[in-house]
Amino acid sequence: MDSYTTSYTAGVGEGRLFSTQLAALAKRVGLPKPEFRGKPLPHVVGQPPRWQIETMIRGCTVTPETPDEVYTKIYPNWSTGVEMAMHGALSRLCNEYRTTIPQETFYQYGRRTMEGVPILRTISKEKVNSCKHQLSELECHIIRMEDLMEDEMKDHDKTRAAYKQMWLIAIDKAERIDTMEDTILNMGNHIAEQEAEKKKMEAQLEKRDAHIFALQAQSAFFAGQRTPPPPAQGSTHAAST
C-alpha cells in the first residue's frame, strides 16, 4: 500500500488539537500551513491497526529560502496520530524560529530539532523551577514517550509476525503428520488386501491339489494300483510341482 488515503492541513476544516496554533505559527514565520497525509498499514485480523503519517513542513519561498521538511512516523490511529504529528511540527518550528517568534505565546509547546531531538533549555539555578524549564522537560518526556510507543508497536508487530510464522510451521507439520498417517493407513489396507489375496490363492492351490489327488486315485484304481496317500496339509503345492 503506497498511496496515502487521508490528508489534513493545519487550520483547515474540522478543529483538532494544535491545529489553530500550528497554522498561526506558520503564518507568523511566513510559511505555508503544514500538511499531513496518512495511510493504514497492512495488519492481520486481531492485530491493532497502525497508521503511517507523513508530516510536510514547507520551507520559506522568499529570501532566505528554506527547504521542505518531510518525515514519517507510526501512530496507533489517524485521529490521535495527526494531533501528535501537529504537536511535533509545532515543537520543530518553535525551535527553528526561536529567535523570531514571541516567546510569551509559543514557548509552552517545547522545542525539538527538525530531526526530532528534544532541546532542553539551559536555565540558571534560580529559574530551574520556572514554567519554561518545566515545559522544556515535559517536551523531552513527550518525545521519549512517542519513541517508546513507536518502538513497542514495532516490537508487537514483529512478535505477532513471528507467532504467525511459527503457527504456519506448526500447521504444516500437522498436515505432514496427517499425510504420513494416511499413508501408513493406506499401506495397512494394502497389506490386508495382499494377505486376503494370498489366502485366496492358497485356497485355490489346495483345491487344485485335491483335484489332482482325486485324479491320481482314480487313475491308480483303474490301473489296479493302491490308492496313493493324500497330500500333507500345507505342502500340497510343493507335492504337485
Protein backbone atom coordinates (compact mmCIF):
# COMPACT_ATOMS: atom_id res chain seq x y z
CA MET A 1 0.00 0.00 0.00
CA ASP A 2 1.90 3.04 -1.30
CA SER A 3 -0.80 5.72 -1.68
CA TYR A 4 -1.99 7.84 1.23
CA THR A 5 -5.71 7.69 1.93
CA THR A 6 -6.27 10.64 4.31
CA SER A 7 -4.90 14.16 4.48
CA TYR A 8 -5.19 17.24 6.67
CA THR A 9 -3.89 20.80 6.56
CA ALA A 10 -3.32 22.70 9.80
CA GLY A 11 -6.01 25.31 10.46
CA VAL A 12 -8.37 24.00 7.77
CA GLY A 13 -11.69 22.21 8.27
CA GLU A 14 -12.54 20.37 11.46
CA GLY A 15 -10.99 21.57 14.67
CA ARG A 16 -8.18 19.44 16.06
CA LEU A 17 -5.78 19.88 18.91
CA PHE A 18 -2.82 22.14 17.96
CA SER A 19 -4.31 22.85 14.52
CA THR A 20 -5.10 26.55 15.07
CA GLN A 21 -1.83 27.20 16.90
CA LEU A 22 0.26 25.48 14.22
CA ALA A 23 -1.42 27.43 11.42
CA ALA A 24 -0.91 30.69 13.33
CA LEU A 25 2.77 29.93 13.97
CA ALA A 26 3.38 29.06 10.30
CA LYS A 27 1.75 32.30 9.22
CA ARG A 28 3.80 34.26 11.77
CA VAL A 29 7.11 32.98 10.35
CA GLY A 30 5.99 33.23 6.71
CA LEU A 31 5.49 29.55 5.94
CA PRO A 32 2.61 27.71 4.23
CA LYS A 33 0.40 25.73 6.53
CA PRO A 34 1.94 22.32 7.35
CA GLU A 35 0.28 19.35 5.70
CA PHE A 36 -0.26 15.80 6.88
CA ARG A 37 -1.03 12.58 5.00
CA GLY A 38 -1.87 9.22 6.49
CA LYS A 39 -2.45 5.64 5.46
CA PRO A 40 -3.30 2.50 7.40
CA LEU A 41 -0.58 -0.12 7.38
CA PRO A 42 -1.41 -3.73 6.48
CA HIS A 43 -2.21 -5.85 9.53
CA VAL A 44 -3.59 -9.28 10.33
CA VAL A 45 -7.02 -9.87 11.83
CA GLY A 46 -6.97 -9.34 15.58
CA GLN A 47 -3.93 -7.07 15.49
CA PRO A 48 -4.37 -3.38 16.38
CA PRO A 49 -4.27 -1.09 13.33
CA ARG A 50 -1.24 1.06 12.60
CA TRP A 51 -1.12 4.36 10.74
CA GLN A 52 1.83 5.90 8.97
CA ILE A 53 1.55 9.68 8.93
CA GLU A 54 3.73 11.91 6.80
CA THR A 55 4.38 15.46 8.00
CA MET A 56 5.33 18.12 5.47
CA ILE A 57 6.60 21.45 6.81
CA ARG A 58 7.02 23.54 3.69
CA GLY A 59 10.00 25.84 3.56
CA CYS A 60 10.06 29.58 3.06
CA THR A 61 9.61 30.58 -0.60
CA VAL A 62 11.15 34.05 -0.23
CA THR A 63 14.69 35.05 0.63
CA PRO A 64 16.16 33.46 2.62
CA GLU A 65 14.62 30.29 1.18
CA THR A 66 14.49 27.15 3.31
CA PRO A 67 13.91 23.54 2.19
CA ASP A 68 10.80 21.50 2.87
CA GLU A 69 10.99 19.18 5.86
CA VAL A 70 9.25 15.85 5.28
CA TYR A 71 9.28 12.91 7.69
CA THR A 72 7.04 10.00 8.66
CA LYS A 73 6.21 8.27 11.93
CA ILE A 74 3.98 5.40 13.01
CA TYR A 75 0.93 6.09 15.19
CA PRO A 76 -1.88 3.96 16.67
CA ASN A 77 -4.59 5.62 14.53
CA TRP A 78 -5.27 8.64 12.31
CA SER A 79 -7.24 10.87 14.71
CA THR A 80 -4.79 10.77 17.61
CA GLY A 81 -1.78 10.42 15.33
CA VAL A 82 -2.38 13.59 13.31
CA GLU A 83 -2.73 15.63 16.54
CA MET A 84 0.53 14.17 17.83
CA ALA A 85 2.14 14.97 14.47
CA MET A 86 0.91 18.58 14.67
CA HIS A 87 2.38 18.95 18.15
CA GLY A 88 5.67 17.63 16.80
CA ALA A 89 5.57 20.17 13.96
CA LEU A 90 4.86 22.96 16.48
CA SER A 91 7.90 21.98 18.57
CA ARG A 92 10.11 21.89 15.48
CA LEU A 93 9.02 25.33 14.29
CA CYS A 94 9.35 26.75 17.81
CA ASN A 95 12.98 25.69 17.81
CA GLU A 96 13.74 26.59 14.19
CA TYR A 97 12.35 30.13 14.58
CA ARG A 98 13.07 30.61 18.28
CA THR A 99 14.73 33.98 17.66
CA THR A 100 11.85 35.49 15.72
CA ILE A 101 8.65 34.25 17.40
CA PRO A 102 7.15 35.81 20.56
CA GLN A 103 8.23 33.56 23.41
CA GLU A 104 5.29 34.52 25.59
CA THR A 105 2.95 32.89 23.07
CA PHE A 106 4.66 29.76 21.76
CA TYR A 107 7.14 28.72 24.45
CA GLN A 108 4.69 26.25 26.02
CA TYR A 109 4.98 23.82 23.11
CA GLY A 110 8.58 22.91 23.87
CA ARG A 111 11.33 22.67 21.29
CA ARG A 112 12.88 19.92 19.20
CA THR A 113 15.13 19.86 16.16
CA MET A 114 13.88 19.00 12.69
CA GLU A 115 15.29 15.51 13.35
CA GLY A 116 13.03 15.23 16.41
CA VAL A 117 15.72 15.62 19.09
CA PRO A 118 14.37 17.47 22.15
CA ILE A 119 16.01 20.72 23.25
CA LEU A 120 16.39 21.21 27.00
CA ARG A 121 16.75 24.91 27.75
CA THR A 122 19.79 25.99 29.74
CA ILE A 123 18.42 27.85 32.72
CA SER A 124 20.13 29.20 35.82
CA LYS A 125 19.57 27.54 39.18
CA GLU A 126 17.43 30.46 40.26
CA LYS A 127 14.97 29.75 37.44
CA VAL A 128 15.16 25.97 37.42
CA ASN A 129 11.55 25.74 38.63
CA SER A 130 10.27 28.17 36.04
CA CYS A 131 7.34 27.26 33.80
CA LYS A 132 9.54 27.40 30.69
CA HIS A 133 12.03 24.94 32.15
CA GLN A 134 9.31 22.55 33.25
CA LEU A 135 7.67 22.68 29.83
CA SER A 136 11.05 22.04 28.25
CA GLU A 137 11.46 18.93 30.37
CA LEU A 138 7.90 17.93 29.55
CA GLU A 139 8.74 18.13 25.85
CA CYS A 140 11.68 15.78 26.42
CA HIS A 141 9.36 13.39 28.22
CA ILE A 142 6.76 13.58 25.42
CA ILE A 143 9.37 12.71 22.81
CA ARG A 144 10.60 9.76 24.87
CA MET A 145 7.02 8.52 25.18
CA GLU A 146 6.44 8.92 21.44
CA ASP A 147 9.60 6.96 20.63
CA LEU A 148 8.73 4.30 23.20
CA MET A 149 5.22 3.96 21.80
CA GLU A 150 6.53 3.56 18.25
CA ASP A 151 9.16 1.01 19.34
CA GLU A 152 6.58 -1.00 21.26
CA MET A 153 4.22 -1.02 18.27
CA LYS A 154 7.04 -2.27 16.04
CA ASP A 155 8.07 -4.92 18.58
CA HIS A 156 4.45 -6.00 18.97
CA ASP A 157 4.06 -6.32 15.21
CA LYS A 158 7.30 -8.32 14.96
CA THR A 159 6.13 -10.63 17.76
CA ARG A 160 2.79 -11.14 16.02
CA ALA A 161 4.55 -11.85 12.73
CA ALA A 162 6.91 -14.36 14.41
CA TYR A 163 3.98 -16.04 16.16
CA LYS A 164 2.10 -16.28 12.86
CA GLN A 165 5.16 -17.82 11.19
CA MET A 166 5.52 -20.38 13.99
CA TRP A 167 1.82 -21.17 13.75
CA LEU A 168 2.11 -21.74 9.99
CA ILE A 169 5.09 -24.05 10.58
CA ALA A 170 3.10 -25.97 13.21
CA ILE A 171 0.14 -26.28 10.82
CA ASP A 172 2.46 -27.50 8.06
CA LYS A 173 3.95 -30.13 10.39
CA ALA A 174 0.48 -31.24 11.47
CA GLU A 175 -0.58 -31.58 7.83
CA ARG A 176 2.53 -33.62 7.06
CA ILE A 177 1.84 -35.86 10.06
CA ASP A 178 -1.73 -36.34 8.82
CA THR A 179 -0.37 -37.22 5.39
CA MET A 180 2.05 -39.75 6.88
CA GLU A 181 -0.75 -41.28 8.97
CA ASP A 182 -2.95 -41.57 5.88
CA THR A 183 -0.05 -43.18 4.00
CA ILE A 184 0.54 -45.69 6.80
CA LEU A 185 -3.19 -46.44 6.94
CA ASN A 186 -3.28 -46.96 3.19
CA MET A 187 -0.25 -49.25 3.43
CA GLY A 188 -2.01 -51.25 6.12
CA ASN A 189 -5.08 -51.58 3.93
CA HIS A 190 -2.87 -52.64 1.01
CA ILE A 191 -1.13 -55.26 3.16
CA ALA A 192 -4.51 -56.56 4.33
CA GLU A 193 -5.65 -56.82 0.71
CA GLN A 194 -2.49 -58.73 -0.18
CA GLU A 195 -2.99 -61.07 2.79
CA ALA A 196 -6.54 -61.72 1.64
CA GLU A 197 -5.32 -62.34 -1.91
CA LYS A 198 -2.65 -64.70 -0.59
CA LYS A 199 -5.22 -66.72 1.36
CA LYS A 200 -7.44 -66.82 -1.70
CA MET A 201 -4.55 -68.18 -3.81
CA GLU A 202 -3.68 -70.75 -1.14
CA ALA A 203 -7.28 -71.91 -1.10
CA GLN A 204 -7.21 -72.22 -4.86
CA LEU A 205 -3.94 -74.22 -4.71
CA GLU A 206 -5.37 -76.56 -2.08
CA LYS A 207 -8.46 -77.06 -4.21
CA ARG A 208 -6.27 -77.82 -7.25
CA ASP A 209 -4.08 -80.24 -5.26
CA ALA A 210 -7.20 -82.02 -4.00
CA HIS A 211 -8.43 -82.31 -7.57
CA ILE A 212 -5.05 -83.73 -8.69
CA PHE A 213 -5.13 -86.25 -5.83
CA ALA A 214 -8.59 -87.33 -6.85
CA LEU A 215 -7.39 -87.84 -10.44
CA GLN A 216 -4.37 -89.81 -9.20
CA ALA A 217 -6.59 -92.01 -7.06
CA GLN A 218 -8.93 -92.63 -9.94
CA SER A 219 -6.00 -93.43 -12.25
CA ALA A 220 -4.49 -95.84 -9.70
CA PHE A 221 -7.85 -97.60 -9.27
CA PHE A 222 -8.18 -98.22 -12.94
CA ALA A 223 -4.55 -99.32 -13.18
CA GLY A 224 -5.02 -101.80 -10.30
CA GLN A 225 -2.76 -99.87 -8.00
CA ARG A 226 -3.49 -98.94 -4.46
CA THR A 227 -4.73 -95.52 -3.63
CA PRO A 228 -1.91 -93.03 -3.01
CA PRO A 229 -1.81 -91.27 0.33
CA PRO A 230 -3.41 -87.79 0.45
CA PRO A 231 -1.08 -84.81 0.32
CA ALA A 232 0.08 -83.38 3.65
CA GLN A 233 -1.64 -80.17 4.81
CA GLY A 234 0.36 -77.10 3.80
CA SER A 235 2.60 -78.98 1.40
CA THR A 236 0.15 -79.83 -1.35
CA HIS A 237 1.53 -77.19 -3.61
CA ALA A 238 5.08 -78.50 -3.24
CA ALA A 239 3.96 -82.09 -3.92
CA SER A 240 2.09 -81.12 -7.03
CA THR A 241 5.11 -79.45 -8.51
